[in-house]
Amino acid sequence: MTAPATRCLALVLLLAFTVLPAARAQTQAPPAFDSTRAYHHVREQVALGPRPAASAANEKLRQYLIKTLGEAGYTATEQPFEASTPVGRVKMANVVATLAGDRPERILLASHFDTKPINEFRFVGANDGGSSTGALLELARVLKVRPKPRFTLEFVFFDGEEAYGEWREPNHTYGSRQYVTAARAAGTLGAIRALVLLDMIGDRSLNLKRDTNSTPWLTDILWSTARRLGHAAHFLDEPLPVEDDHMPFVKAGIPSVDLIDLDYPDWHTASDTLDKVSAGSLQVIGDVVLAALPEIETRLLK
């Protein structure tokens, strides 16, 4: 083989081992939601036992959230406050982590992590509080290693969603109401462009109805995304009014959607245990939220 031919062959081999792998890397799918990881986070929460606001287990869970988010590359912070409740003043704290985007305006992804304070039995809230919190931790991990989002993403873990006894105004959603109050006082409320709230999304028979208190266009995006991904059976076209941590944001004029399955017979019972949670359901929610985010960003840019 002549010297020019040898050099030509070497150049071809160099291209094969550099350019082509790089091209393949660019076409690879972005990191996916891992329901095994999300389920692990649910298990860790349940292992702490009941986690009502101001309990030792609640404090341990906040530290777990901060540690797990830190391992994913975030600097998570607590937002402590004191709430006036039917049982007196109760110390609570939200946990927040931020992923900077191309724009400073924020899209919030949220869940509550407390469990309902129930004295009659041991309530560990595997689905009610545990499932959505586990899914949110996994969403934060995945989004950190994906391409930079167009909007800044804020992951908010609300404390004090649960009521002390009967759900009635203002005995509920203490953490989300405090978040909105603090944002309004700081002059940052207008930078929140949308909220996607997760709550009770892990039960084995996942059936989400369209919350009539949620913003229609935001609900439409998530439901159409679910259909596109083949998950229409879990996203029902049935209306249901829901009061949850999204309501303070709705009242503040912020587009919000609540993903929640209230058709759950173990809700607020001693049977809301780990065996009622399905990794498959967590996967459905994770996939739909991740796939819907770009369309939500596009809508907000109009």
C-alpha atoms as a PDB file:
ATOM      1  CA  MET A   1       0.000   0.000   0.000  1.00  0.00           C
ATOM      2  CA  THR A   2       1.387   3.430  -0.919  1.00  0.00           C
ATOM      3  CA  ALA A   3       1.964   6.166   1.654  1.00  0.00           C
ATOM      4  CA  PRO A   4      -0.947   8.345   0.400  1.00  0.00           C
ATOM      5  CA  ALA A   5      -3.291   5.342   0.543  1.00  0.00           C
ATOM      6  CA  THR A   6      -2.122   4.551   4.068  1.00  0.00           C
ATOM      7  CA  ARG A   7      -2.810   8.115   5.165  1.00  0.00           C
ATOM      8  CA  CYS A   8      -6.274   7.966   3.567  1.00  0.00           C
ATOM      9  CA  LEU A   9      -7.104   4.741   5.391  1.00  0.00           C
ATOM     10  CA  ALA A  10      -5.914   6.227   8.673  1.00  0.00           C
ATOM     11  CA  LEU A  11      -8.168   9.260   8.144  1.00  0.00           C
ATOM     12  CA  VAL A  12     -11.175   7.011   7.452  1.00  0.00           C
ATOM     13  CA  LEU A  13     -10.516   5.017  10.612  1.00  0.00           C
ATOM     14  CA  LEU A  14     -10.121   8.213  12.638  1.00  0.00           C
ATOM     15  CA  LEU A  15     -13.507   9.440  11.413  1.00  0.00           C
ATOM     16  CA  ALA A  16     -15.092   6.092  12.220  1.00  0.00           C
ATOM     17  CA  PHE A  17     -13.832   6.162  15.802  1.00  0.00           C
ATOM     18  CA  THR A  18     -14.550   9.842  16.527  1.00  0.00           C
ATOM     19  CA  VAL A  19     -17.172  11.498  14.337  1.00  0.00           C
ATOM     20  CA  LEU A  20     -19.541   8.563  14.017  1.00  0.00           C
ATOM     21  CA  PRO A  21     -19.721   7.762  17.774  1.00  0.00           C
ATOM     22  CA  ALA A  22     -20.282  11.465  18.442  1.00  0.00           C
ATOM     23  CA  ALA A  23     -23.109  11.514  15.925  1.00  0.00           C
ATOM     24  CA  ARG A  24     -24.675   8.460  17.542  1.00  0.00           C
ATOM     25  CA  ALA A  25     -24.406  10.106  20.969  1.00  0.00           C
ATOM     26  CA  GLN A  26     -26.277  13.148  19.688  1.00  0.00           C
ATOM     27  CA  THR A  27     -29.165  10.981  18.513  1.00  0.00           C
ATOM     28  CA  GLN A  28     -29.409   8.906  21.698  1.00  0.00           C
ATOM     29  CA  ALA A  29     -32.522   9.364  23.776  1.00  0.00           C
ATOM     30  CA  PRO A  30     -32.146  11.578  26.860  1.00  0.00           C
ATOM     31  CA  PRO A  31     -31.926   9.871  30.274  1.00  0.00           C
ATOM     32  CA  ALA A  32     -35.240   8.292  31.212  1.00  0.00           C
ATOM     33  CA  PHE A  33     -37.325   8.272  34.379  1.00  0.00           C
ATOM     34  CA  ASP A  34     -36.413   5.223  36.476  1.00  0.00           C
ATOM     35  CA  SER A  35     -39.413   3.959  38.452  1.00  0.00           C
ATOM     36  CA  THR A  36     -37.150   1.592  40.406  1.00  0.00           C
ATOM     37  CA  ARG A  37     -35.385   4.609  41.880  1.00  0.00           C
ATOM     38  CA  ALA A  38     -38.702   6.356  42.560  1.00  0.00           C
ATOM     39  CA  TYR A  39     -40.074   3.270  44.301  1.00  0.00           C
ATOM     40  CA  HIS A  40     -36.911   3.087  46.418  1.00  0.00           C
ATOM     41  CA  HIS A  41     -37.617   6.636  47.623  1.00  0.00           C
ATOM     42  CA  VAL A  42     -41.166   5.620  48.542  1.00  0.00           C
ATOM     43  CA  ARG A  43     -39.793   2.659  50.511  1.00  0.00           C
ATOM     44  CA  GLU A  44     -37.371   4.891  52.394  1.00  0.00           C
ATOM     45  CA  GLN A  45     -40.182   7.237  53.390  1.00  0.00           C
ATOM     46  CA  VAL A  46     -42.455   4.447  54.593  1.00  0.00           C
ATOM     47  CA  ALA A  47     -39.584   3.016  56.656  1.00  0.00           C
ATOM     48  CA  LEU A  48     -39.640   6.236  58.694  1.00  0.00           C
ATOM     49  CA  GLY A  49     -43.228   5.543  59.753  1.00  0.00           C
ATOM     50  CA  PRO A  50     -45.870   8.308  60.067  1.00  0.00           C
ATOM     51  CA  ARG A  51     -44.441  11.688  59.015  1.00  0.00           C
ATOM     52  CA  PRO A  52     -46.835  14.439  60.106  1.00  0.00           C
ATOM     53  CA  ALA A  53     -45.582  18.001  60.305  1.00  0.00           C
ATOM     54  CA  ALA A  54     -43.288  18.760  63.258  1.00  0.00           C
ATOM     55  CA  SER A  55     -42.609  15.073  63.968  1.00  0.00           C
ATOM     56  CA  ALA A  56     -39.138  13.585  64.285  1.00  0.00           C
ATOM     57  CA  ALA A  57     -39.846  11.415  61.225  1.00  0.00           C
ATOM     58  CA  ASN A  58     -40.846  14.499  59.240  1.00  0.00           C
ATOM     59  CA  GLU A  59     -37.510  16.101  60.127  1.00  0.00           C
ATOM     60  CA  LYS A  60     -35.650  12.935  59.088  1.00  0.00           C
ATOM     61  CA  LEU A  61     -37.499  12.954  55.790  1.00  0.00           C
ATOM     62  CA  ARG A  62     -36.577  16.591  55.126  1.00  0.00           C
ATOM     63  CA  GLN A  63     -32.929  15.667  55.650  1.00  0.00           C
ATOM     64  CA  TYR A  64     -33.373  12.708  53.287  1.00  0.00           C
ATOM     65  CA  LEU A  65     -34.818  15.028  50.645  1.00  0.00           C
ATOM     66  CA  ILE A  66     -31.933  17.467  51.013  1.00  0.00           C
ATOM     67  CA  LYS A  67     -29.341  14.657  50.933  1.00  0.00           C
ATOM     68  CA  THR A  68     -30.892  12.945  47.894  1.00  0.00           C
ATOM     69  CA  LEU A  69     -31.209  16.211  45.981  1.00  0.00           C
ATOM     70  CA  GLY A  70     -27.612  17.025  46.891  1.00  0.00           C
ATOM     71  CA  GLU A  71     -26.461  13.700  45.457  1.00  0.00           C
ATOM     72  CA  ALA A  72     -28.241  14.656  42.238  1.00  0.00           C
ATOM     73  CA  GLY A  73     -26.303  17.927  42.065  1.00  0.00           C
ATOM     74  CA  TYR A  74     -28.733  20.363  43.701  1.00  0.00           C
ATOM     75  CA  THR A  75     -28.356  22.710  46.631  1.00  0.00           C
ATOM     76  CA  ALA A  76     -31.676  22.192  48.405  1.00  0.00           C
ATOM     77  CA  THR A  77     -32.874  24.610  51.050  1.00  0.00           C
ATOM     78  CA  GLU A  78     -35.527  24.555  53.745  1.00  0.00           C
ATOM     79  CA  GLN A  79     -38.164  27.257  54.043  1.00  0.00           C
ATOM     80  CA  PRO A  80     -39.178  27.096  57.710  1.00  0.00           C
ATOM     81  CA  PHE A  81     -42.353  28.709  59.012  1.00  0.00           C
ATOM     82  CA  GLU A  82     -44.829  28.375  61.844  1.00  0.00           C
ATOM     83  CA  ALA A  83     -48.455  27.617  61.058  1.00  0.00           C
ATOM     84  CA  SER A  84     -51.528  28.346  63.148  1.00  0.00           C
ATOM     85  CA  THR A  85     -53.533  25.096  63.258  1.00  0.00           C
ATOM     86  CA  PRO A  86     -56.497  23.710  65.254  1.00  0.00           C
ATOM     87  CA  VAL A  87     -53.936  22.063  67.570  1.00  0.00           C
ATOM     88  CA  GLY A  88     -51.924  25.265  68.060  1.00  0.00           C
ATOM     89  CA  ARG A  89     -48.789  26.677  66.466  1.00  0.00           C
ATOM     90  CA  VAL A  90     -46.877  24.028  64.509  1.00  0.00           C
ATOM     91  CA  LYS A  91     -43.375  24.380  63.070  1.00  0.00           C
ATOM     92  CA  MET A  92     -43.170  23.318  59.434  1.00  0.00           C
ATOM     93  CA  ALA A  93     -40.699  23.632  56.573  1.00  0.00           C
ATOM     94  CA  ASN A  94     -40.904  23.313  52.795  1.00  0.00           C
ATOM     95  CA  VAL A  95     -37.913  21.984  50.855  1.00  0.00           C
ATOM     96  CA  VAL A  96     -36.920  23.660  47.567  1.00  0.00           C
ATOM     97  CA  ALA A  97     -34.329  22.893  44.879  1.00  0.00           C
ATOM     98  CA  THR A  98     -33.794  24.870  41.672  1.00  0.00           C
ATOM     99  CA  LEU A  99     -32.534  23.920  38.212  1.00  0.00           C
ATOM    100  CA  ALA A 100     -31.522  27.037  36.272  1.00  0.00           C
ATOM    101  CA  GLY A 101     -32.921  27.320  32.750  1.00  0.00           C
ATOM    102  CA  ASP A 102     -32.340  29.659  29.837  1.00  0.00           C
ATOM    103  CA  ARG A 103     -34.966  31.982  31.326  1.00  0.00           C
ATOM    104  CA  PRO A 104     -35.369  33.068  34.965  1.00  0.00           C
ATOM    105  CA  GLU A 105     -39.133  32.510  34.978  1.00  0.00           C
ATOM    106  CA  ARG A 106     -40.019  29.332  36.837  1.00  0.00           C
ATOM    107  CA  ILE A 107     -42.087  26.228  36.305  1.00  0.00           C
ATOM    108  CA  LEU A 108     -42.781  24.509  39.616  1.00  0.00           C
ATOM    109  CA  LEU A 109     -42.946  20.725  40.006  1.00  0.00           C
ATOM    110  CA  ALA A 110     -44.330  19.916  43.431  1.00  0.00           C
ATOM    111  CA  SER A 111     -45.530  17.335  45.946  1.00  0.00           C
ATOM    112  CA  HIS A 112     -46.372  17.296  49.633  1.00  0.00           C
ATOM    113  CA  PHE A 113     -44.221  15.063  51.843  1.00  0.00           C
ATOM    114  CA  ASP A 114     -46.092  15.133  55.163  1.00  0.00           C
ATOM    115  CA  THR A 115     -48.589  12.475  56.207  1.00  0.00           C
ATOM    116  CA  LYS A 116     -51.940  13.101  57.830  1.00  0.00           C
ATOM    117  CA  PRO A 117     -51.755  13.204  61.645  1.00  0.00           C
ATOM    118  CA  ILE A 118     -54.013  10.334  62.733  1.00  0.00           C
ATOM    119  CA  ASN A 119     -54.064   9.105  66.329  1.00  0.00           C
ATOM    120  CA  GLU A 120     -56.384   6.127  65.893  1.00  0.00           C
ATOM    121  CA  PHE A 121     -53.911   4.054  63.863  1.00  0.00           C
ATOM    122  CA  ARG A 122     -50.465   4.085  62.308  1.00  0.00           C
ATOM    123  CA  PHE A 123     -50.714   5.929  58.977  1.00  0.00           C
ATOM    124  CA  VAL A 124     -47.559   5.645  56.843  1.00  0.00           C
ATOM    125  CA  GLY A 125     -48.947   7.276  53.668  1.00  0.00           C
ATOM    126  CA  ALA A 126     -47.160   5.158  51.073  1.00  0.00           C
ATOM    127  CA  ASN A 127     -49.332   6.551  48.292  1.00  0.00           C
ATOM    128  CA  ASP A 128     -50.587   9.718  50.001  1.00  0.00           C
ATOM    129  CA  GLY A 129     -47.426  11.717  50.239  1.00  0.00           C
ATOM    130  CA  GLY A 130     -44.935   8.935  49.597  1.00  0.00           C
ATOM    131  CA  SER A 131     -45.591   8.164  45.925  1.00  0.00           C
ATOM    132  CA  SER A 132     -45.569  11.731  44.655  1.00  0.00           C
ATOM    133  CA  THR A 133     -42.514  12.638  46.714  1.00  0.00           C
ATOM    134  CA  GLY A 134     -40.616   9.625  45.381  1.00  0.00           C
ATOM    135  CA  ALA A 135     -41.592  10.506  41.818  1.00  0.00           C
ATOM    136  CA  LEU A 136     -40.559  14.144  42.280  1.00  0.00           C
ATOM    137  CA  LEU A 137     -37.112  13.158  43.566  1.00  0.00           C
ATOM    138  CA  GLU A 138     -36.612  10.999  40.478  1.00  0.00           C
ATOM    139  CA  LEU A 139     -37.859  13.752  38.164  1.00  0.00           C
ATOM    140  CA  ALA A 140     -35.315  16.096  39.709  1.00  0.00           C
ATOM    141  CA  ARG A 141     -32.508  13.590  39.116  1.00  0.00           C
ATOM    142  CA  VAL A 142     -33.432  12.977  35.476  1.00  0.00           C
ATOM    143  CA  LEU A 143     -33.949  16.621  34.581  1.00  0.00           C
ATOM    144  CA  LYS A 144     -30.566  17.529  36.054  1.00  0.00           C
ATOM    145  CA  VAL A 145     -28.756  15.373  33.487  1.00  0.00           C
ATOM    146  CA  ARG A 146     -30.963  16.300  30.528  1.00  0.00           C
ATOM    147  CA  PRO A 147     -30.346  19.319  28.269  1.00  0.00           C
ATOM    148  CA  LYS A 148     -30.819  22.671  29.973  1.00  0.00           C
ATOM    149  CA  PRO A 149     -34.528  23.581  30.179  1.00  0.00           C
ATOM    150  CA  ARG A 150     -35.854  26.751  28.604  1.00  0.00           C
ATOM    151  CA  PHE A 151     -37.501  27.813  31.871  1.00  0.00           C
ATOM    152  CA  THR A 152     -35.974  27.506  35.315  1.00  0.00           C
ATOM    153  CA  LEU A 153     -37.429  24.473  37.088  1.00  0.00           C
ATOM    154  CA  GLU A 154     -38.134  24.544  40.783  1.00  0.00           C
ATOM    155  CA  PHE A 155     -38.814  21.351  42.725  1.00  0.00           C
ATOM    156  CA  VAL A 156     -40.947  22.138  45.763  1.00  0.00           C
ATOM    157  CA  PHE A 157     -41.732  19.672  48.531  1.00  0.00           C
ATOM    158  CA  PHE A 158     -44.589  21.093  50.596  1.00  0.00           C
ATOM    159  CA  ASP A 159     -44.992  20.429  54.286  1.00  0.00           C
ATOM    160  CA  GLY A 160     -48.353  20.626  56.039  1.00  0.00           C
ATOM    161  CA  GLU A 161     -50.708  19.740  53.191  1.00  0.00           C
ATOM    162  CA  GLU A 162     -52.765  17.493  55.414  1.00  0.00           C
ATOM    163  CA  ALA A 163     -55.564  18.752  57.654  1.00  0.00           C
ATOM    164  CA  TYR A 164     -55.771  18.279  61.407  1.00  0.00           C
ATOM    165  CA  GLY A 165     -59.013  16.357  61.527  1.00  0.00           C
ATOM    166  CA  GLU A 166     -61.636  17.593  59.083  1.00  0.00           C
ATOM    167  CA  TRP A 167     -60.560  19.320  55.853  1.00  0.00           C
ATOM    168  CA  ARG A 168     -62.008  22.818  56.082  1.00  0.00           C
ATOM    169  CA  GLU A 169     -60.732  26.341  55.526  1.00  0.00           C
ATOM    170  CA  PRO A 170     -58.035  27.187  56.474  1.00  0.00           C
ATOM    171  CA  ASN A 171     -57.063  23.844  58.018  1.00  0.00           C
ATOM    172  CA  HIS A 172     -54.970  22.427  55.159  1.00  0.00           C
ATOM    173  CA  THR A 173     -52.312  23.252  52.526  1.00  0.00           C
ATOM    174  CA  TYR A 174     -50.190  25.144  55.049  1.00  0.00           C
ATOM    175  CA  GLY A 175     -46.944  24.746  53.085  1.00  0.00           C
ATOM    176  CA  SER A 176     -48.272  25.803  49.689  1.00  0.00           C
ATOM    177  CA  ARG A 177     -50.122  28.777  51.143  1.00  0.00           C
ATOM    178  CA  GLN A 178     -46.938  29.836  52.928  1.00  0.00           C
ATOM    179  CA  TYR A 179     -44.938  29.479  49.698  1.00  0.00           C
ATOM    180  CA  VAL A 180     -47.325  31.756  47.798  1.00  0.00           C
ATOM    181  CA  THR A 181     -47.416  34.282  50.649  1.00  0.00           C
ATOM    182  CA  ALA A 182     -43.613  34.398  50.820  1.00  0.00           C
ATOM    183  CA  ALA A 183     -43.262  34.703  47.025  1.00  0.00           C
ATOM    184  CA  ARG A 184     -45.752  37.550  46.949  1.00  0.00           C
ATOM    185  CA  ALA A 185     -43.901  39.347  49.753  1.00  0.00           C
ATOM    186  CA  ALA A 186     -40.578  38.856  47.948  1.00  0.00           C
ATOM    187  CA  GLY A 187     -41.991  40.135  44.660  1.00  0.00           C
ATOM    188  CA  THR A 188     -41.212  36.841  42.871  1.00  0.00           C
ATOM    189  CA  LEU A 189     -44.745  35.499  42.450  1.00  0.00           C
ATOM    190  CA  GLY A 190     -45.000  36.862  38.911  1.00  0.00           C
ATOM    191  CA  ALA A 191     -41.965  34.815  37.861  1.00  0.00           C
ATOM    192  CA  ILE A 192     -43.879  31.582  38.493  1.00  0.00           C
ATOM    193  CA  ARG A 193     -45.366  30.689  35.129  1.00  0.00           C
ATOM    194  CA  ALA A 194     -46.895  27.285  35.909  1.00  0.00           C
ATOM    195  CA  LEU A 195     -47.273  24.601  38.577  1.00  0.00           C
ATOM    196  CA  VAL A 196     -47.490  20.844  38.050  1.00  0.00           C
ATOM    197  CA  LEU A 197     -48.580  19.204  41.300  1.00  0.00           C
ATOM    198  CA  LEU A 198     -48.275  15.464  41.997  1.00  0.00           C
ATOM    199  CA  ASP A 199     -50.316  13.805  44.753  1.00  0.00           C
ATOM    200  CA  MET A 200     -51.397  10.167  45.174  1.00  0.00           C
ATOM    201  CA  ILE A 201     -50.061   8.952  41.832  1.00  0.00           C
ATOM    202  CA  GLY A 202     -48.659   5.543  42.757  1.00  0.00           C
ATOM    203  CA  ASP A 203     -51.597   3.233  43.400  1.00  0.00           C
ATOM    204  CA  ARG A 204     -51.809   0.019  41.406  1.00  0.00           C
ATOM    205  CA  SER A 205     -55.103   0.959  39.768  1.00  0.00           C
ATOM    206  CA  LEU A 206     -54.111   4.391  38.487  1.00  0.00           C
ATOM    207  CA  ASN A 207     -57.082   6.457  37.286  1.00  0.00           C
ATOM    208  CA  LEU A 208     -56.622  10.217  37.111  1.00  0.00           C
ATOM    209  CA  LYS A 209     -59.666  12.391  36.536  1.00  0.00           C
ATOM    210  CA  ARG A 210     -59.529  15.932  35.152  1.00  0.00           C
ATOM    211  CA  ASP A 211     -59.559  18.312  38.100  1.00  0.00           C
ATOM    212  CA  THR A 212     -61.991  21.117  37.294  1.00  0.00           C
ATOM    213  CA  ASN A 213     -60.054  23.535  39.508  1.00  0.00           C
ATOM    214  CA  SER A 214     -56.912  23.076  37.403  1.00  0.00           C
ATOM    215  CA  THR A 215     -56.057  25.292  34.428  1.00  0.00           C
ATOM    216  CA  PRO A 216     -57.698  23.754  31.311  1.00  0.00           C
ATOM    217  CA  TRP A 217     -54.840  24.284  28.828  1.00  0.00           C
ATOM    218  CA  LEU A 218     -52.314  22.776  31.233  1.00  0.00           C
ATOM    219  CA  THR A 219     -54.570  19.795  31.879  1.00  0.00           C
ATOM    220  CA  ASP A 220     -55.062  19.381  28.123  1.00  0.00           C
ATOM    221  CA  ILE A 221     -51.312  19.171  27.521  1.00  0.00           C
ATOM    222  CA  LEU A 222     -50.825  16.442  30.114  1.00  0.00           C
ATOM    223  CA  TRP A 223     -53.847  14.446  28.959  1.00  0.00           C
ATOM    224  CA  SER A 224     -52.875  14.677  25.277  1.00  0.00           C
ATOM    225  CA  THR A 225     -49.317  13.663  26.164  1.00  0.00           C
ATOM    226  CA  ALA A 226     -50.649  10.639  28.032  1.00  0.00           C
ATOM    227  CA  ARG A 227     -52.681   9.629  24.962  1.00  0.00           C
ATOM    228  CA  ARG A 228     -49.653  10.037  22.715  1.00  0.00           C
ATOM    229  CA  LEU A 229     -47.582   7.783  24.991  1.00  0.00           C
ATOM    230  CA  GLY A 230     -50.293   5.136  25.154  1.00  0.00           C
ATOM    231  CA  HIS A 231     -51.400   5.901  28.709  1.00  0.00           C
ATOM    232  CA  ALA A 232     -54.922   7.136  27.969  1.00  0.00           C
ATOM    233  CA  ALA A 233     -56.396   4.372  30.148  1.00  0.00           C
ATOM    234  CA  HIS A 234     -54.900   6.082  33.213  1.00  0.00           C
ATOM    235  CA  PHE A 235     -55.944   9.636  32.263  1.00  0.00           C
ATOM    236  CA  LEU A 236     -59.725   9.671  32.234  1.00  0.00           C
ATOM    237  CA  ASP A 237     -61.865  12.316  30.560  1.00  0.00           C
ATOM    238  CA  GLU A 238     -64.060  12.603  33.652  1.00  0.00           C
ATOM    239  CA  PRO A 239     -64.360  15.865  35.632  1.00  0.00           C
ATOM    240  CA  LEU A 240     -63.692  16.036  39.364  1.00  0.00           C
ATOM    241  CA  PRO A 241     -63.225  19.161  41.519  1.00  0.00           C
ATOM    242  CA  VAL A 242     -60.184  18.802  43.759  1.00  0.00           C
ATOM    243  CA  GLU A 243     -58.833  20.997  46.544  1.00  0.00           C
ATOM    244  CA  ASP A 244     -55.112  20.479  47.012  1.00  0.00           C
ATOM    245  CA  ASP A 245     -51.781  22.300  47.177  1.00  0.00           C
ATOM    246  CA  HIS A 246     -52.412  23.839  43.754  1.00  0.00           C
ATOM    247  CA  MET A 247     -55.303  25.985  44.986  1.00  0.00           C
ATOM    248  CA  PRO A 248     -53.196  28.818  46.501  1.00  0.00           C
ATOM    249  CA  PHE A 249     -51.472  29.121  43.107  1.00  0.00           C
ATOM    250  CA  VAL A 250     -54.756  29.000  41.183  1.00  0.00           C
ATOM    251  CA  LYS A 251     -56.123  31.769  43.386  1.00  0.00           C
ATOM    252  CA  ALA A 252     -52.946  33.777  42.689  1.00  0.00           C
ATOM    253  CA  GLY A 253     -53.589  33.511  38.944  1.00  0.00           C
ATOM    254  CA  ILE A 254     -50.842  30.973  38.205  1.00  0.00           C
ATOM    255  CA  PRO A 255     -51.644  28.218  35.680  1.00  0.00           C
ATOM    256  CA  SER A 256     -51.731  25.009  37.700  1.00  0.00           C
ATOM    257  CA  VAL A 257     -52.619  21.353  37.317  1.00  0.00           C
ATOM    258  CA  ASP A 258     -53.118  18.651  39.941  1.00  0.00           C
ATOM    259  CA  LEU A 259     -52.367  15.027  39.031  1.00  0.00           C
ATOM    260  CA  ILE A 260     -54.167  12.990  41.691  1.00  0.00           C
ATOM    261  CA  ASP A 261     -56.072   9.729  41.899  1.00  0.00           C
ATOM    262  CA  LEU A 262     -58.732  10.073  44.583  1.00  0.00           C
ATOM    263  CA  ASP A 263     -60.325   6.771  43.595  1.00  0.00           C
ATOM    264  CA  TYR A 264     -58.159   5.019  46.161  1.00  0.00           C
ATOM    265  CA  PRO A 265     -59.910   2.910  48.826  1.00  0.00           C
ATOM    266  CA  ASP A 266     -56.883   2.958  51.160  1.00  0.00           C
ATOM    267  CA  TRP A 267     -56.807   6.764  51.352  1.00  0.00           C
ATOM    268  CA  HIS A 268     -56.243   7.908  54.937  1.00  0.00           C
ATOM    269  CA  THR A 269     -56.438   4.366  56.288  1.00  0.00           C
ATOM    270  CA  ALA A 270     -53.915   2.058  57.930  1.00  0.00           C
ATOM    271  CA  SER A 271     -53.861   0.142  54.627  1.00  0.00           C
ATOM    272  CA  ASP A 272     -52.049   2.873  52.686  1.00  0.00           C
ATOM    273  CA  THR A 273     -48.901   0.752  52.781  1.00  0.00           C
ATOM    274  CA  LEU A 274     -45.986   0.086  50.446  1.00  0.00           C
ATOM    275  CA  ASP A 275     -47.628  -2.945  48.828  1.00  0.00           C
ATOM    276  CA  LYS A 276     -50.354  -0.633  47.450  1.00  0.00           C
ATOM    277  CA  VAL A 277     -47.810   1.345  45.413  1.00  0.00           C
ATOM    278  CA  SER A 278     -46.872   0.261  41.898  1.00  0.00           C
ATOM    279  CA  ALA A 279     -43.611   1.101  40.171  1.00  0.00           C
ATOM    280  CA  GLY A 280     -45.574   0.879  36.924  1.00  0.00           C
ATOM    281  CA  SER A 281     -47.854   3.727  37.981  1.00  0.00           C
ATOM    282  CA  LEU A 282     -44.841   5.817  39.000  1.00  0.00           C
ATOM    283  CA  GLN A 283     -43.354   5.165  35.566  1.00  0.00           C
ATOM    284  CA  VAL A 284     -46.505   6.343  33.803  1.00  0.00           C
ATOM    285  CA  ILE A 285     -46.509   9.638  35.707  1.00  0.00           C
ATOM    286  CA  GLY A 286     -42.780  10.191  35.268  1.00  0.00           C
ATOM    287  CA  ASP A 287     -42.900   9.555  31.540  1.00  0.00           C
ATOM    288  CA  VAL A 288     -45.929  11.800  30.997  1.00  0.00           C
ATOM    289  CA  VAL A 289     -44.559  14.735  32.993  1.00  0.00           C
ATOM    290  CA  LEU A 290     -41.168  14.590  31.273  1.00  0.00           C
ATOM    291  CA  ALA A 291     -42.741  14.393  27.833  1.00  0.00           C
ATOM    292  CA  ALA A 292     -45.199  17.204  28.566  1.00  0.00           C
ATOM    293  CA  LEU A 293     -42.651  19.720  29.865  1.00  0.00           C
ATOM    294  CA  PRO A 294     -41.367  20.864  26.433  1.00  0.00           C
ATOM    295  CA  GLU A 295     -44.922  21.514  25.246  1.00  0.00           C
ATOM    296  CA  ILE A 296     -45.683  23.424  28.453  1.00  0.00           C
ATOM    297  CA  GLU A 297     -42.589  25.555  27.839  1.00  0.00           C
ATOM    298  CA  THR A 298     -43.628  26.162  24.226  1.00  0.00           C
ATOM    299  CA  ARG A 299     -47.093  27.284  25.317  1.00  0.00           C
ATOM    300  CA  LEU A 300     -45.620  29.665  27.894  1.00  0.00           C
ATOM    301  CA  LEU A 301     -43.366  31.234  25.257  1.00  0.00           C
ATOM    302  CA  LYS A 302     -46.326  32.252  23.066  1.00  0.00           C
END
